[in-house]
PDB file of N, CA and C in Angstrom:
ATOM      1  N   MET A   1       0.829  -1.185   0.000  1.00  0.00           N
ATOM      2  CA  MET A   1       0.000   0.000   0.000  1.00  0.00           C
ATOM      3  C   MET A   1       0.873   1.248   0.000  1.00  0.00           C
ATOM      4  N   THR A   2       0.438   2.193  -0.775  1.00  0.00           N
ATOM      5  CA  THR A   2       1.168   3.447  -0.771  1.00  0.00           C
ATOM      6  C   THR A   2       0.644   4.330   0.353  1.00  0.00           C
ATOM      7  N   GLU A   3       1.373   5.363   0.622  1.00  0.00           N
ATOM      8  CA  GLU A   3       0.978   6.278   1.696  1.00  0.00           C
ATOM      9  C   GLU A   3      -0.346   6.964   1.377  1.00  0.00           C
ATOM     10  N   GLU A   4      -0.575   7.290   0.091  1.00  0.00           N
ATOM     11  CA  GLU A   4      -1.837   7.926  -0.300  1.00  0.00           C
ATOM     12  C   GLU A   4      -3.026   7.010  -0.035  1.00  0.00           C
ATOM     13  N   ASN A   5      -2.857   5.727  -0.323  1.00  0.00           N
ATOM     14  CA  ASN A   5      -3.939   4.769  -0.075  1.00  0.00           C
ATOM     15  C   ASN A   5      -4.230   4.645   1.414  1.00  0.00           C
ATOM     16  N   GLU A   6      -3.186   4.656   2.229  1.00  0.00           N
ATOM     17  CA  GLU A   6      -3.374   4.563   3.673  1.00  0.00           C
ATOM     18  C   GLU A   6      -4.120   5.787   4.199  1.00  0.00           C
ATOM     19  N   VAL A   7      -3.762   6.958   3.697  1.00  0.00           N
ATOM     20  CA  VAL A   7      -4.436   8.187   4.115  1.00  0.00           C
ATOM     21  C   VAL A   7      -5.898   8.150   3.674  1.00  0.00           C
ATOM     22  N   LEU A   8      -6.153   7.689   2.470  1.00  0.00           N
ATOM     23  CA  LEU A   8      -7.521   7.598   1.967  1.00  0.00           C
ATOM     24  C   LEU A   8      -8.344   6.629   2.811  1.00  0.00           C
ATOM     25  N   LEU A   9      -7.779   5.485   3.156  1.00  0.00           N
ATOM     26  CA  LEU A   9      -8.487   4.518   3.995  1.00  0.00           C
ATOM     27  C   LEU A   9      -8.747   5.091   5.393  1.00  0.00           C
ATOM     28  N   LEU A  10      -7.782   5.809   5.912  1.00  0.00           N
ATOM     29  CA  LEU A  10      -7.947   6.434   7.222  1.00  0.00           C
ATOM     30  C   LEU A  10      -9.071   7.474   7.194  1.00  0.00           C
ATOM     31  N   LEU A  11      -9.110   8.295   6.145  1.00  0.00           N
ATOM     32  CA  LEU A  11     -10.176   9.291   6.017  1.00  0.00           C
ATOM     33  C   LEU A  11     -11.548   8.632   5.890  1.00  0.00           C
ATOM     34  N   LYS A  12     -11.619   7.551   5.120  1.00  0.00           N
ATOM     35  CA  LYS A  12     -12.896   6.837   4.980  1.00  0.00           C
ATOM     36  C   LYS A  12     -13.350   6.288   6.326  1.00  0.00           C
ATOM     37  N   GLU A  13     -12.423   5.741   7.090  1.00  0.00           N
ATOM     38  CA  GLU A  13     -12.761   5.203   8.404  1.00  0.00           C
ATOM     39  C   GLU A  13     -13.227   6.307   9.350  1.00  0.00           C
ATOM     40  N   LEU A  14     -12.553   7.447   9.306  1.00  0.00           N
ATOM     41  CA  LEU A  14     -12.963   8.576  10.147  1.00  0.00           C
ATOM     42  C   LEU A  14     -14.353   9.078   9.778  1.00  0.00           C
ATOM     43  N   VAL A  15     -14.636   9.159   8.489  1.00  0.00           N
ATOM     44  CA  VAL A  15     -15.965   9.586   8.040  1.00  0.00           C
ATOM     45  C   VAL A  15     -17.023   8.601   8.524  1.00  0.00           C
ATOM     46  N   ASN A  16     -16.742   7.324   8.432  1.00  0.00           N
ATOM     47  CA  ASN A  16     -17.696   6.310   8.901  1.00  0.00           C
ATOM     48  C   ASN A  16     -17.947   6.449  10.397  1.00  0.00           C
ATOM     49  N   ARG A  17     -16.894   6.684  11.161  1.00  0.00           N
ATOM     50  CA  ARG A  17     -17.046   6.833  12.611  1.00  0.00           C
ATOM     51  C   ARG A  17     -17.876   8.068  12.957  1.00  0.00           C
ATOM     52  N   VAL A  18     -17.627   9.162  12.266  1.00  0.00           N
ATOM     53  CA  VAL A  18     -18.389  10.388  12.517  1.00  0.00           C
ATOM     54  C   VAL A  18     -19.861  10.165  12.176  1.00  0.00           C
ATOM     55  N   GLN A  19     -20.127   9.480  11.078  1.00  0.00           N
ATOM     56  CA  GLN A  19     -21.516   9.195  10.709  1.00  0.00           C
ATOM     57  C   GLN A  19     -22.193   8.319  11.758  1.00  0.00           C
ATOM     58  N   GLN A  20     -21.469   7.348  12.295  1.00  0.00           N
ATOM     59  CA  GLN A  20     -22.032   6.501  13.346  1.00  0.00           C
ATOM     60  C   GLN A  20     -22.335   7.324  14.597  1.00  0.00           C
ATOM     61  N   LEU A  21     -21.421   8.234  14.955  1.00  0.00           N
ATOM     62  CA  LEU A  21     -21.647   9.087  16.125  1.00  0.00           C
ATOM     63  C   LEU A  21     -22.851   9.998  15.921  1.00  0.00           C
ATOM     64  N   GLU A  22     -23.014  10.535  14.707  1.00  0.00           N
ATOM     65  CA  GLU A  22     -24.179  11.380  14.420  1.00  0.00           C
ATOM     66  C   GLU A  22     -25.470  10.583  14.551  1.00  0.00           C
ATOM     67  N   LYS A  23     -25.474   9.345  14.056  1.00  0.00           N
ATOM     68  CA  LYS A  23     -26.672   8.514  14.173  1.00  0.00           C
ATOM     69  C   LYS A  23     -27.017   8.274  15.634  1.00  0.00           C
ATOM     70  N   VAL A  24     -26.000   8.015  16.455  1.00  0.00           N
ATOM     71  CA  VAL A  24     -26.241   7.768  17.877  1.00  0.00           C
ATOM     72  C   VAL A  24     -26.718   9.046  18.564  1.00  0.00           C
ATOM     73  N   ALA A  25     -26.086  10.167  18.260  1.00  0.00           N
ATOM     74  CA  ALA A  25     -26.426  11.423  18.937  1.00  0.00           C
ATOM     75  C   ALA A  25     -27.829  11.899  18.576  1.00  0.00           C
ATOM     76  N   TYR A  26     -28.245  11.717  17.336  1.00  0.00           N
ATOM     77  CA  TYR A  26     -29.541  12.230  16.894  1.00  0.00           C
ATOM     78  C   TYR A  26     -30.639  11.178  16.903  1.00  0.00           C
ATOM     79  N   ASP A  27     -30.380  10.028  17.472  1.00  0.00           N
ATOM     80  CA  ASP A  27     -31.395   8.989  17.587  1.00  0.00           C
ATOM     81  C   ASP A  27     -32.447   9.447  18.590  1.00  0.00           C
ATOM     82  N   ASN A  28     -33.707   9.311  18.249  1.00  0.00           N
ATOM     83  CA  ASN A  28     -34.790   9.771  19.127  1.00  0.00           C
ATOM     84  C   ASN A  28     -34.836   9.037  20.452  1.00  0.00           C
ATOM     85  N   ASP A  29     -34.288   7.822  20.510  1.00  0.00           N
ATOM     86  CA  ASP A  29     -34.279   7.060  21.751  1.00  0.00           C
ATOM     87  C   ASP A  29     -33.058   7.370  22.612  1.00  0.00           C
ATOM     88  N   ASN A  30     -32.203   8.227  22.147  1.00  0.00           N
ATOM     89  CA  ASN A  30     -30.988   8.565  22.878  1.00  0.00           C
ATOM     90  C   ASN A  30     -31.331   9.383  24.121  1.00  0.00           C
ATOM     91  N   VAL A  31     -30.641   9.101  25.212  1.00  0.00           N
ATOM     92  CA  VAL A  31     -30.877   9.807  26.475  1.00  0.00           C
ATOM     93  C   VAL A  31     -30.569  11.297  26.326  1.00  0.00           C
ATOM     94  N   LEU A  32     -29.510  11.639  25.582  1.00  0.00           N
ATOM     95  CA  LEU A  32     -29.166  13.045  25.394  1.00  0.00           C
ATOM     96  C   LEU A  32     -30.258  13.777  24.622  1.00  0.00           C
ATOM     97  N   MET A  33     -30.824  13.108  23.615  1.00  0.00           N
ATOM     98  CA  MET A  33     -31.887  13.720  22.826  1.00  0.00           C
ATOM     99  C   MET A  33     -33.139  13.900  23.685  1.00  0.00           C
ATOM    100  N   LYS A  34     -33.463  12.900  24.494  1.00  0.00           N
ATOM    101  CA  LYS A  34     -34.648  12.984  25.338  1.00  0.00           C
ATOM    102  C   LYS A  34     -34.514  14.067  26.404  1.00  0.00           C
ATOM    103  N   SER A  35     -33.292  14.256  26.905  1.00  0.00           N
ATOM    104  CA  SER A  35     -33.085  15.252  27.955  1.00  0.00           C
ATOM    105  C   SER A  35     -33.027  16.671  27.409  1.00  0.00           C
ATOM    106  N   GLY A  36     -32.876  16.815  26.092  1.00  0.00           N
ATOM    107  CA  GLY A  36     -32.828  18.133  25.491  1.00  0.00           C
ATOM    108  C   GLY A  36     -31.427  18.690  25.354  1.00  0.00           C
ATOM    109  N   LEU A  37     -30.405  17.893  25.719  1.00  0.00           N
ATOM    110  CA  LEU A  37     -29.030  18.369  25.580  1.00  0.00           C
ATOM    111  C   LEU A  37     -28.590  18.395  24.125  1.00  0.00           C
ATOM    112  N   VAL A  38     -29.163  17.541  23.298  1.00  0.00           N
ATOM    113  CA  VAL A  38     -28.871  17.524  21.867  1.00  0.00           C
ATOM    114  C   VAL A  38     -30.160  17.911  21.155  1.00  0.00           C
ATOM    115  N   VAL A  39     -30.085  18.952  20.343  1.00  0.00           N
ATOM    116  CA  VAL A  39     -31.269  19.389  19.605  1.00  0.00           C
ATOM    117  C   VAL A  39     -30.951  19.444  18.121  1.00  0.00           C
ATOM    118  N   THR A  40     -31.947  19.162  17.306  1.00  0.00           N
ATOM    119  CA  THR A  40     -31.741  19.214  15.865  1.00  0.00           C
ATOM    120  C   THR A  40     -32.152  20.559  15.297  1.00  0.00           C
ATOM    121  N   ASN A  41     -33.059  21.254  15.981  1.00  0.00           N
ATOM    122  CA  ASN A  41     -33.510  22.570  15.532  1.00  0.00           C
ATOM    123  C   ASN A  41     -33.170  23.589  16.607  1.00  0.00           C
ATOM    124  N   SER A  42     -32.288  24.505  16.277  1.00  0.00           N
ATOM    125  CA  SER A  42     -31.918  25.525  17.251  1.00  0.00           C
ATOM    126  C   SER A  42     -32.449  26.872  16.780  1.00  0.00           C
ATOM    127  N   PRO A  43     -32.657  27.790  17.708  1.00  0.00           N
ATOM    128  CA  PRO A  43     -33.180  29.101  17.311  1.00  0.00           C
ATOM    129  C   PRO A  43     -32.166  29.873  16.479  1.00  0.00           C
ATOM    130  N   THR A  44     -32.677  30.688  15.578  1.00  0.00           N
ATOM    131  CA  THR A  44     -31.822  31.522  14.739  1.00  0.00           C
ATOM    132  C   THR A  44     -31.701  32.893  15.378  1.00  0.00           C
ATOM    133  N   PRO A  45     -30.478  33.360  15.586  1.00  0.00           N
ATOM    134  CA  PRO A  45     -30.320  34.681  16.197  1.00  0.00           C
ATOM    135  C   PRO A  45     -30.881  35.780  15.290  1.00  0.00           C
ATOM    136  N   SER A  46     -31.408  36.815  15.892  1.00  0.00           N
ATOM    137  CA  SER A  46     -31.916  37.942  15.105  1.00  0.00           C
ATOM    138  C   SER A  46     -31.421  39.235  15.724  1.00  0.00           C
ATOM    139  N   MET A  47     -31.318  40.236  14.889  1.00  0.00           N
ATOM    140  CA  MET A  47     -30.855  41.549  15.330  1.00  0.00           C
ATOM    141  C   MET A  47     -32.027  42.527  15.314  1.00  0.00           C
ATOM    142  N   ASN A  48     -32.983  42.341  16.194  1.00  0.00           N
ATOM    143  CA  ASN A  48     -34.121  43.251  16.290  1.00  0.00           C
ATOM    144  C   ASN A  48     -33.897  44.219  17.446  1.00  0.00           C
ATOM    145  N   ASN A  49     -32.745  44.811  17.468  1.00  0.00           N
ATOM    146  CA  ASN A  49     -32.376  45.726  18.537  1.00  0.00           C
ATOM    147  C   ASN A  49     -32.506  47.156  18.022  1.00  0.00           C
ATOM    148  N   LYS A  50     -33.271  47.982  18.715  1.00  0.00           N
ATOM    149  CA  LYS A  50     -33.469  49.364  18.268  1.00  0.00           C
ATOM    150  C   LYS A  50     -32.162  50.140  18.250  1.00  0.00           C
ATOM    151  N   MET A  51     -31.322  49.915  19.262  1.00  0.00           N
ATOM    152  CA  MET A  51     -30.050  50.634  19.339  1.00  0.00           C
ATOM    153  C   MET A  51     -29.155  50.248  18.159  1.00  0.00           C
ATOM    154  N   ALA A  52     -29.090  48.965  17.857  1.00  0.00           N
ATOM    155  CA  ALA A  52     -28.207  48.504  16.779  1.00  0.00           C
ATOM    156  C   ALA A  52     -28.709  48.964  15.419  1.00  0.00           C
ATOM    157  N   SER A  53     -30.017  49.017  15.239  1.00  0.00           N
ATOM    158  CA  SER A  53     -30.551  49.384  13.931  1.00  0.00           C
ATOM    159  C   SER A  53     -30.514  50.884  13.673  1.00  0.00           C
ATOM    160  N   SER A  54     -30.247  51.679  14.709  1.00  0.00           N
ATOM    161  CA  SER A  54     -30.247  53.119  14.511  1.00  0.00           C
ATOM    162  C   SER A  54     -28.914  53.643  13.975  1.00  0.00           C
ATOM    163  N   PHE A  55     -27.896  52.793  13.891  1.00  0.00           N
ATOM    164  CA  PHE A  55     -26.592  53.199  13.388  1.00  0.00           C
ATOM    165  C   PHE A  55     -26.257  52.442  12.124  1.00  0.00           C
ATOM    166  N   SER A  56     -25.670  53.132  11.179  1.00  0.00           N
ATOM    167  CA  SER A  56     -25.149  52.443  10.001  1.00  0.00           C
ATOM    168  C   SER A  56     -23.634  52.423  10.108  1.00  0.00           C
ATOM    169  N   MET A  57     -22.996  51.564   9.365  1.00  0.00           N
ATOM    170  CA  MET A  57     -21.539  51.475   9.410  1.00  0.00           C
ATOM    171  C   MET A  57     -20.896  52.762   8.910  1.00  0.00           C
ATOM    172  N   ASP A  58     -21.566  53.466   8.007  1.00  0.00           N
ATOM    173  CA  ASP A  58     -21.031  54.744   7.534  1.00  0.00           C
ATOM    174  C   ASP A  58     -20.978  55.767   8.661  1.00  0.00           C
ATOM    175  N   ASP A  59     -22.027  55.766   9.502  1.00  0.00           N
ATOM    176  CA  ASP A  59     -22.030  56.681  10.648  1.00  0.00           C
ATOM    177  C   ASP A  59     -20.897  56.356  11.609  1.00  0.00           C
ATOM    178  N   VAL A  60     -20.733  55.091  11.892  1.00  0.00           N
ATOM    179  CA  VAL A  60     -19.723  54.661  12.854  1.00  0.00           C
ATOM    180  C   VAL A  60     -18.316  54.908  12.324  1.00  0.00           C
ATOM    181  N   SER A  61     -18.104  54.713  11.034  1.00  0.00           N
ATOM    182  CA  SER A  61     -16.757  54.863  10.488  1.00  0.00           C
ATOM    183  C   SER A  61     -16.258  56.303  10.580  1.00  0.00           C
ATOM    184  N   GLY A  62     -17.162  57.275  10.643  1.00  0.00           N
ATOM    185  CA  GLY A  62     -16.760  58.668  10.719  1.00  0.00           C
ATOM    186  C   GLY A  62     -16.655  59.194  12.141  1.00  0.00           C
ATOM    187  N   MET A  63     -16.939  58.354  13.141  1.00  0.00           N
ATOM    188  CA  MET A  63     -16.937  58.805  14.527  1.00  0.00           C
ATOM    189  C   MET A  63     -15.536  58.744  15.129  1.00  0.00           C
ATOM    190  N   SER A  64     -15.349  59.590  16.123  1.00  0.00           N
ATOM    191  CA  SER A  64     -14.116  59.495  16.919  1.00  0.00           C
ATOM    192  C   SER A  64     -14.367  58.493  18.043  1.00  0.00           C
ATOM    193  N   PHE A  65     -13.295  58.086  18.698  1.00  0.00           N
ATOM    194  CA  PHE A  65     -13.448  57.149  19.802  1.00  0.00           C
ATOM    195  C   PHE A  65     -14.226  57.779  20.957  1.00  0.00           C
ATOM    196  N   ASP A  66     -14.081  59.070  21.130  1.00  0.00           N
ATOM    197  CA  ASP A  66     -14.841  59.764  22.184  1.00  0.00           C
ATOM    198  C   ASP A  66     -16.338  59.713  21.899  1.00  0.00           C
ATOM    199  N   ASP A  67     -16.706  59.900  20.625  1.00  0.00           N
ATOM    200  CA  ASP A  67     -18.123  59.818  20.250  1.00  0.00           C
ATOM    201  C   ASP A  67     -18.669  58.418  20.499  1.00  0.00           C
ATOM    202  N   MET A  68     -17.874  57.411  20.156  1.00  0.00           N
ATOM    203  CA  MET A  68     -18.310  56.026  20.376  1.00  0.00           C
ATOM    204  C   MET A  68     -18.475  55.740  21.862  1.00  0.00           C
ATOM    205  N   ALA A  69     -17.542  56.232  22.670  1.00  0.00           N
ATOM    206  CA  ALA A  69     -17.624  56.026  24.121  1.00  0.00           C
ATOM    207  C   ALA A  69     -18.884  56.669  24.685  1.00  0.00           C
ATOM    208  N   LYS A  70     -19.249  57.853  24.197  1.00  0.00           N
ATOM    209  CA  LYS A  70     -20.465  58.532  24.660  1.00  0.00           C
ATOM    210  C   LYS A  70     -21.706  57.707  24.322  1.00  0.00           C
ATOM    211  N   ILE A  71     -21.737  57.168  23.119  1.00  0.00           N
ATOM    212  CA  ILE A  71     -22.889  56.354  22.700  1.00  0.00           C
ATOM    213  C   ILE A  71     -22.994  55.099  23.557  1.00  0.00           C
ATOM    214  N   ILE A  72     -21.862  54.481  23.849  1.00  0.00           N
ATOM    215  CA  ILE A  72     -21.861  53.268  24.664  1.00  0.00           C
ATOM    216  C   ILE A  72     -22.341  53.588  26.080  1.00  0.00           C
ATOM    217  N   LYS A  73     -21.850  54.680  26.647  1.00  0.00           N
ATOM    218  CA  LYS A  73     -22.296  55.071  27.990  1.00  0.00           C
ATOM    219  C   LYS A  73     -23.798  55.355  28.006  1.00  0.00           C
ATOM    220  N   LYS A  74     -24.292  55.999  26.953  1.00  0.00           N
ATOM    221  CA  LYS A  74     -25.713  56.300  26.854  1.00  0.00           C
ATOM    222  C   LYS A  74     -26.526  55.000  26.758  1.00  0.00           C
ATOM    223  N   ALA A  75     -26.033  54.035  25.980  1.00  0.00           N
ATOM    224  CA  ALA A  75     -26.741  52.761  25.845  1.00  0.00           C
ATOM    225  C   ALA A  75     -26.726  51.987  27.158  1.00  0.00           C
ATOM    226  N   GLU A  76     -25.613  52.039  27.876  1.00  0.00           N
ATOM    227  CA  GLU A  76     -25.551  51.345  29.169  1.00  0.00           C
ATOM    228  C   GLU A  76     -26.521  51.947  30.172  1.00  0.00           C
ATOM    229  N   GLY A  77     -26.718  53.240  30.102  1.00  0.00           N
ATOM    230  CA  GLY A  77     -27.619  53.922  31.026  1.00  0.00           C
ATOM    231  C   GLY A  77     -29.077  53.690  30.719  1.00  0.00           C
ATOM    232  N   SER A  78     -29.392  53.308  29.489  1.00  0.00           N
ATOM    233  CA  SER A  78     -30.798  53.152  29.098  1.00  0.00           C
ATOM    234  C   SER A  78     -31.348  51.762  29.364  1.00  0.00           C
ATOM    235  N   ARG A  79     -30.540  50.885  29.898  1.00  0.00           N
ATOM    236  CA  ARG A  79     -31.029  49.509  30.170  1.00  0.00           C
ATOM    237  C   ARG A  79     -31.923  49.453  31.342  1.00  0.00           C
TER     238      ARG A  79
END
């Protein structure tokens, strides 16, 4: 066997092992799946923040660090 063949066989074996682990982890009878530690559908993050949507990158790129610090302090105070 050449070294390339050995590497190819090793990669195939690793892929098979990963597929077996995925089957075990996502099996509906699995204890982790039943407990909720493993989920197949996770929430999608969203940016529905009024503070974040009020600034564009063009506005921020023209600001000084002092201006940015003022905005951050103002946002911290509004929580």
